């Protein structure tokens, strides 16, 4: 099944707060490992995931400028946290808070990427969904993909500047305060 064959159904899928979706890719973003929860939530059999680009689960409502930011960060050796909506093989979607980090060999060279994903809290989604909607609207105003991504990236930076925060500060501001015992 090709990614373009999957159409969103509007059905939302979730998983437990104590569960983590894990995947690993090579430096080109091709899946080399997926845990059982990734297989279950994505509704793809493992053999249809391994060897395919990670964007097999890309939801069409996910702004491409966020992925551009992700690739800029991780390919330069930094980590990134981001809210992401993914598309399962059966058309269901699921929101995650993704943490993506480079994987390095013994000499420090980046040899791939590792992603852990937790459930996204509803309070964060109340703020992220309108922003992503605006970014998508900006992308859709452009016929040329690079221009669309640049335009939505400019809008994202403008929104962050208005808030007076970096991208990372914005993401962490969406997380509810943790109670201490």
C-alpha atoms as a PDB file:
ATOM      1  CA  UNK A   1       0.000   0.000   0.000  1.00  0.00           C
ATOM      2  CA  UNK A   2       1.325   3.430  -0.949  1.00  0.00           C
ATOM      3  CA  UNK A   3       0.978   6.335   1.479  1.00  0.00           C
ATOM      4  CA  UNK A   4      -1.068   8.235  -1.101  1.00  0.00           C
ATOM      5  CA  UNK A   5      -3.634   5.401  -1.106  1.00  0.00           C
ATOM      6  CA  UNK A   6      -4.551   6.053   2.546  1.00  0.00           C
ATOM      7  CA  UNK A   7      -7.280   8.605   3.130  1.00  0.00           C
ATOM      8  CA  UNK A   8      -8.031  10.103   6.565  1.00  0.00           C
ATOM      9  CA  UNK A   9     -11.262   8.783   8.073  1.00  0.00           C
ATOM     10  CA  UNK A  10     -11.537  11.239  10.955  1.00  0.00           C
ATOM     11  CA  UNK A  11     -11.313   8.361  13.438  1.00  0.00           C
ATOM     12  CA  UNK A  12      -8.867   9.169  16.220  1.00  0.00           C
ATOM     13  CA  UNK A  13      -6.788   6.431  17.786  1.00  0.00           C
ATOM     14  CA  UNK A  14      -5.040   6.695  21.131  1.00  0.00           C
ATOM     15  CA  UNK A  15      -2.719   4.724  23.342  1.00  0.00           C
ATOM     16  CA  UNK A  16      -1.885   4.681  27.026  1.00  0.00           C
ATOM     17  CA  UNK A  17      -0.066   7.462  28.832  1.00  0.00           C
ATOM     18  CA  UNK A  18       2.394   4.835  30.051  1.00  0.00           C
ATOM     19  CA  UNK A  19       3.147   3.537  26.543  1.00  0.00           C
ATOM     20  CA  UNK A  20       5.856   4.742  24.152  1.00  0.00           C
ATOM     21  CA  UNK A  21       5.981   4.356  20.379  1.00  0.00           C
ATOM     22  CA  UNK A  22       9.589   3.752  19.299  1.00  0.00           C
ATOM     23  CA  UNK A  23      11.206   3.757  15.892  1.00  0.00           C
ATOM     24  CA  UNK A  24      14.682   3.995  14.428  1.00  0.00           C
ATOM     25  CA  UNK A  25      15.705   5.113  10.962  1.00  0.00           C
ATOM     26  CA  UNK A  26      18.827   5.408   8.891  1.00  0.00           C
ATOM     27  CA  UNK A  27      20.131   8.864   7.960  1.00  0.00           C
ATOM     28  CA  UNK A  28      17.672   9.090   5.053  1.00  0.00           C
ATOM     29  CA  UNK A  29      14.646   8.457   7.303  1.00  0.00           C
ATOM     30  CA  UNK A  30      14.109   4.835   6.223  1.00  0.00           C
ATOM     31  CA  UNK A  31      12.679   2.715   9.042  1.00  0.00           C
ATOM     32  CA  UNK A  32      15.092   0.143  10.464  1.00  0.00           C
ATOM     33  CA  UNK A  33      13.202  -0.668  13.696  1.00  0.00           C
ATOM     34  CA  UNK A  34       9.651  -0.288  14.989  1.00  0.00           C
ATOM     35  CA  UNK A  35       8.338  -1.498  18.324  1.00  0.00           C
ATOM     36  CA  UNK A  36       5.114  -3.479  18.733  1.00  0.00           C
ATOM     37  CA  UNK A  37       3.148  -0.370  19.731  1.00  0.00           C
ATOM     38  CA  UNK A  38       4.212   1.410  16.517  1.00  0.00           C
ATOM     39  CA  UNK A  39       2.906  -1.570  14.521  1.00  0.00           C
ATOM     40  CA  UNK A  40      -0.354  -1.681  16.493  1.00  0.00           C
ATOM     41  CA  UNK A  41      -1.123   2.055  16.378  1.00  0.00           C
ATOM     42  CA  UNK A  42      -0.049   2.541  12.751  1.00  0.00           C
ATOM     43  CA  UNK A  43      -2.121  -0.475  11.605  1.00  0.00           C
ATOM     44  CA  UNK A  44       0.717  -1.517   9.285  1.00  0.00           C
ATOM     45  CA  UNK A  45       2.281  -4.964   9.519  1.00  0.00           C
ATOM     46  CA  UNK A  46       5.932  -4.722  10.537  1.00  0.00           C
ATOM     47  CA  UNK A  47       7.105  -6.045   7.161  1.00  0.00           C
ATOM     48  CA  UNK A  48       5.336  -3.133   5.429  1.00  0.00           C
ATOM     49  CA  UNK A  49       7.121  -0.615   7.651  1.00  0.00           C
ATOM     50  CA  UNK A  50      10.730  -1.765   7.730  1.00  0.00           C
ATOM     51  CA  UNK A  51      12.670  -0.478   4.751  1.00  0.00           C
ATOM     52  CA  UNK A  52      10.105   2.245   4.010  1.00  0.00           C
ATOM     53  CA  UNK A  53      10.480   5.969   4.674  1.00  0.00           C
ATOM     54  CA  UNK A  54       9.200   7.045   8.093  1.00  0.00           C
ATOM     55  CA  UNK A  55       6.845   9.422   6.317  1.00  0.00           C
ATOM     56  CA  UNK A  56       4.686   6.428   5.410  1.00  0.00           C
ATOM     57  CA  UNK A  57       2.600   7.610   8.388  1.00  0.00           C
ATOM     58  CA  UNK A  58       2.606  11.308   7.424  1.00  0.00           C
ATOM     59  CA  UNK A  59      -0.844  12.834   7.840  1.00  0.00           C
ATOM     60  CA  UNK A  60      -1.820  15.394   5.167  1.00  0.00           C
ATOM     61  CA  UNK A  61      -2.851  17.817   7.954  1.00  0.00           C
ATOM     62  CA  UNK A  62       0.693  17.942   9.323  1.00  0.00           C
ATOM     63  CA  UNK A  63       2.524  21.150   8.319  1.00  0.00           C
ATOM     64  CA  UNK A  64       5.605  20.369   6.264  1.00  0.00           C
ATOM     65  CA  UNK A  65       7.525  23.249   7.848  1.00  0.00           C
ATOM     66  CA  UNK A  66       7.587  21.298  11.125  1.00  0.00           C
ATOM     67  CA  UNK A  67       9.280  18.392   9.340  1.00  0.00           C
ATOM     68  CA  UNK A  68      11.749  20.796   7.740  1.00  0.00           C
ATOM     69  CA  UNK A  69      12.600  22.104  11.213  1.00  0.00           C
ATOM     70  CA  UNK A  70      12.904  18.539  12.476  1.00  0.00           C
ATOM     71  CA  UNK A  71      15.337  17.552   9.711  1.00  0.00           C
ATOM     72  CA  UNK A  72      17.395  20.720  10.160  1.00  0.00           C
ATOM     73  CA  UNK A  73      17.757  20.004  13.867  1.00  0.00           C
ATOM     74  CA  UNK A  74      18.482  16.299  13.839  1.00  0.00           C
ATOM     75  CA  UNK A  75      20.806  16.331  10.825  1.00  0.00           C
ATOM     76  CA  UNK A  76      22.879  18.996  12.608  1.00  0.00           C
ATOM     77  CA  UNK A  77      23.145  16.730  15.655  1.00  0.00           C
ATOM     78  CA  UNK A  78      20.464  18.272  17.879  1.00  0.00           C
ATOM     79  CA  UNK A  79      17.285  16.776  19.271  1.00  0.00           C
ATOM     80  CA  UNK A  80      13.752  18.008  18.706  1.00  0.00           C
ATOM     81  CA  UNK A  81      10.440  17.661  20.484  1.00  0.00           C
ATOM     82  CA  UNK A  82       7.366  18.245  18.321  1.00  0.00           C
ATOM     83  CA  UNK A  83       3.661  17.581  18.297  1.00  0.00           C
ATOM     84  CA  UNK A  84       2.806  15.411  15.315  1.00  0.00           C
ATOM     85  CA  UNK A  85      -0.394  13.960  13.904  1.00  0.00           C
ATOM     86  CA  UNK A  86       0.175  10.647  12.139  1.00  0.00           C
ATOM     87  CA  UNK A  87      -1.966   8.681   9.693  1.00  0.00           C
ATOM     88  CA  UNK A  88      -2.478   4.947  10.189  1.00  0.00           C
ATOM     89  CA  UNK A  89      -2.869   2.462   7.339  1.00  0.00           C
ATOM     90  CA  UNK A  90      -6.621   2.261   7.970  1.00  0.00           C
ATOM     91  CA  UNK A  91      -7.072   6.058   7.785  1.00  0.00           C
ATOM     92  CA  UNK A  92      -7.258   6.657  11.547  1.00  0.00           C
ATOM     93  CA  UNK A  93      -5.056   9.377  13.003  1.00  0.00           C
ATOM     94  CA  UNK A  94      -3.179   9.704  16.268  1.00  0.00           C
ATOM     95  CA  UNK A  95      -1.448  12.638  17.930  1.00  0.00           C
ATOM     96  CA  UNK A  96       1.931  12.282  19.620  1.00  0.00           C
ATOM     97  CA  UNK A  97       4.600  14.322  21.323  1.00  0.00           C
ATOM     98  CA  UNK A  98       7.675  13.115  19.454  1.00  0.00           C
ATOM     99  CA  UNK A  99      11.246  13.258  20.728  1.00  0.00           C
ATOM    100  CA  UNK A 100      13.699  12.663  17.891  1.00  0.00           C
ATOM    101  CA  UNK A 101      17.431  12.338  18.456  1.00  0.00           C
ATOM    102  CA  UNK A 102      20.441  11.456  16.327  1.00  0.00           C
ATOM    103  CA  UNK A 103      22.060   8.053  16.793  1.00  0.00           C
ATOM    104  CA  UNK A 104      25.863   8.145  16.644  1.00  0.00           C
ATOM    105  CA  UNK A 105      28.567   5.582  16.092  1.00  0.00           C
ATOM    106  CA  UNK A 106      31.647   5.236  18.313  1.00  0.00           C
ATOM    107  CA  UNK A 107      33.399   8.098  16.501  1.00  0.00           C
ATOM    108  CA  UNK A 108      30.423  10.451  16.975  1.00  0.00           C
ATOM    109  CA  UNK A 109      29.215  10.313  13.365  1.00  0.00           C
ATOM    110  CA  UNK A 110      25.416  10.371  12.913  1.00  0.00           C
ATOM    111  CA  UNK A 111      24.310   6.975  11.617  1.00  0.00           C
ATOM    112  CA  UNK A 112      20.559   7.288  12.077  1.00  0.00           C
ATOM    113  CA  UNK A 113      17.764   8.664  14.204  1.00  0.00           C
ATOM    114  CA  UNK A 114      15.731   7.422  17.161  1.00  0.00           C
ATOM    115  CA  UNK A 115      12.209   8.601  17.934  1.00  0.00           C
ATOM    116  CA  UNK A 116      10.139   8.092  21.076  1.00  0.00           C
ATOM    117  CA  UNK A 117       6.525   9.195  20.989  1.00  0.00           C
ATOM    118  CA  UNK A 118       4.119   9.665  23.872  1.00  0.00           C
ATOM    119  CA  UNK A 119       0.456  10.588  23.807  1.00  0.00           C
ATOM    120  CA  UNK A 120      -0.248  14.266  23.303  1.00  0.00           C
ATOM    121  CA  UNK A 121      -2.173  15.928  26.111  1.00  0.00           C
ATOM    122  CA  UNK A 122      -5.551  17.452  25.151  1.00  0.00           C
ATOM    123  CA  UNK A 123      -4.605  20.896  26.524  1.00  0.00           C
ATOM    124  CA  UNK A 124      -1.581  21.019  24.205  1.00  0.00           C
ATOM    125  CA  UNK A 125      -3.677  19.994  21.210  1.00  0.00           C
ATOM    126  CA  UNK A 126      -6.131  22.834  21.913  1.00  0.00           C
ATOM    127  CA  UNK A 127      -3.262  25.232  21.205  1.00  0.00           C
ATOM    128  CA  UNK A 128      -1.312  23.317  18.565  1.00  0.00           C
ATOM    129  CA  UNK A 129      -4.204  22.458  16.240  1.00  0.00           C
ATOM    130  CA  UNK A 130      -5.157  26.095  15.438  1.00  0.00           C
ATOM    131  CA  UNK A 131      -1.480  26.907  14.803  1.00  0.00           C
ATOM    132  CA  UNK A 132      -1.066  23.894  12.520  1.00  0.00           C
ATOM    133  CA  UNK A 133      -4.283  24.871  10.738  1.00  0.00           C
ATOM    134  CA  UNK A 134      -2.855  28.331  10.018  1.00  0.00           C
ATOM    135  CA  UNK A 135       0.448  26.837   8.845  1.00  0.00           C
ATOM    136  CA  UNK A 136      -1.384  24.443   6.526  1.00  0.00           C
ATOM    137  CA  UNK A 137      -3.532  27.240   5.126  1.00  0.00           C
ATOM    138  CA  UNK A 138      -0.353  29.160   4.335  1.00  0.00           C
ATOM    139  CA  UNK A 139       1.216  26.106   2.671  1.00  0.00           C
ATOM    140  CA  UNK A 140      -1.894  25.574   0.547  1.00  0.00           C
ATOM    141  CA  UNK A 141      -1.693  29.117  -0.809  1.00  0.00           C
ATOM    142  CA  UNK A 142       1.446  28.092  -2.739  1.00  0.00           C
ATOM    143  CA  UNK A 143       1.697  25.716  -5.703  1.00  0.00           C
ATOM    144  CA  UNK A 144       5.431  25.131  -5.353  1.00  0.00           C
ATOM    145  CA  UNK A 145       6.318  22.854  -2.398  1.00  0.00           C
ATOM    146  CA  UNK A 146       9.564  24.612  -1.380  1.00  0.00           C
ATOM    147  CA  UNK A 147       7.787  27.993  -1.486  1.00  0.00           C
ATOM    148  CA  UNK A 148       4.933  26.568   0.592  1.00  0.00           C
ATOM    149  CA  UNK A 149       7.306  25.208   3.220  1.00  0.00           C
ATOM    150  CA  UNK A 150       9.268  28.464   3.349  1.00  0.00           C
ATOM    151  CA  UNK A 151       6.069  30.500   3.705  1.00  0.00           C
ATOM    152  CA  UNK A 152       4.697  28.358   6.538  1.00  0.00           C
ATOM    153  CA  UNK A 153       8.113  28.392   8.218  1.00  0.00           C
ATOM    154  CA  UNK A 154       8.098  32.177   8.073  1.00  0.00           C
ATOM    155  CA  UNK A 155       4.615  32.214   9.594  1.00  0.00           C
ATOM    156  CA  UNK A 156       5.732  29.829  12.364  1.00  0.00           C
ATOM    157  CA  UNK A 157       8.731  32.041  13.201  1.00  0.00           C
ATOM    158  CA  UNK A 158       6.457  35.103  13.190  1.00  0.00           C
ATOM    159  CA  UNK A 159       4.019  33.443  15.606  1.00  0.00           C
ATOM    160  CA  UNK A 160       6.881  32.434  17.904  1.00  0.00           C
ATOM    161  CA  UNK A 161       8.311  35.971  17.765  1.00  0.00           C
ATOM    162  CA  UNK A 162       4.903  37.377  18.765  1.00  0.00           C
ATOM    163  CA  UNK A 163       4.918  35.066  21.769  1.00  0.00           C
ATOM    164  CA  UNK A 164       8.545  35.936  22.529  1.00  0.00           C
ATOM    165  CA  UNK A 165       9.611  32.284  22.658  1.00  0.00           C
ATOM    166  CA  UNK A 166      11.768  29.820  20.781  1.00  0.00           C
ATOM    167  CA  UNK A 167      10.218  26.761  19.168  1.00  0.00           C
ATOM    168  CA  UNK A 168      11.395  24.581  22.073  1.00  0.00           C
ATOM    169  CA  UNK A 169       9.992  26.983  24.672  1.00  0.00           C
ATOM    170  CA  UNK A 170       6.679  26.999  22.836  1.00  0.00           C
ATOM    171  CA  UNK A 171       6.455  23.186  22.778  1.00  0.00           C
ATOM    172  CA  UNK A 172       7.262  22.945  26.472  1.00  0.00           C
ATOM    173  CA  UNK A 173       4.784  25.693  27.327  1.00  0.00           C
ATOM    174  CA  UNK A 174       2.039  23.409  26.004  1.00  0.00           C
ATOM    175  CA  UNK A 175       2.818  20.659  28.474  1.00  0.00           C
ATOM    176  CA  UNK A 176       0.831  20.729  31.717  1.00  0.00           C
ATOM    177  CA  UNK A 177       2.851  21.330  34.860  1.00  0.00           C
ATOM    178  CA  UNK A 178       3.919  18.102  36.491  1.00  0.00           C
ATOM    179  CA  UNK A 179       2.782  17.571  40.058  1.00  0.00           C
ATOM    180  CA  UNK A 180       5.509  16.711  42.530  1.00  0.00           C
ATOM    181  CA  UNK A 181       4.880  14.334  45.374  1.00  0.00           C
END
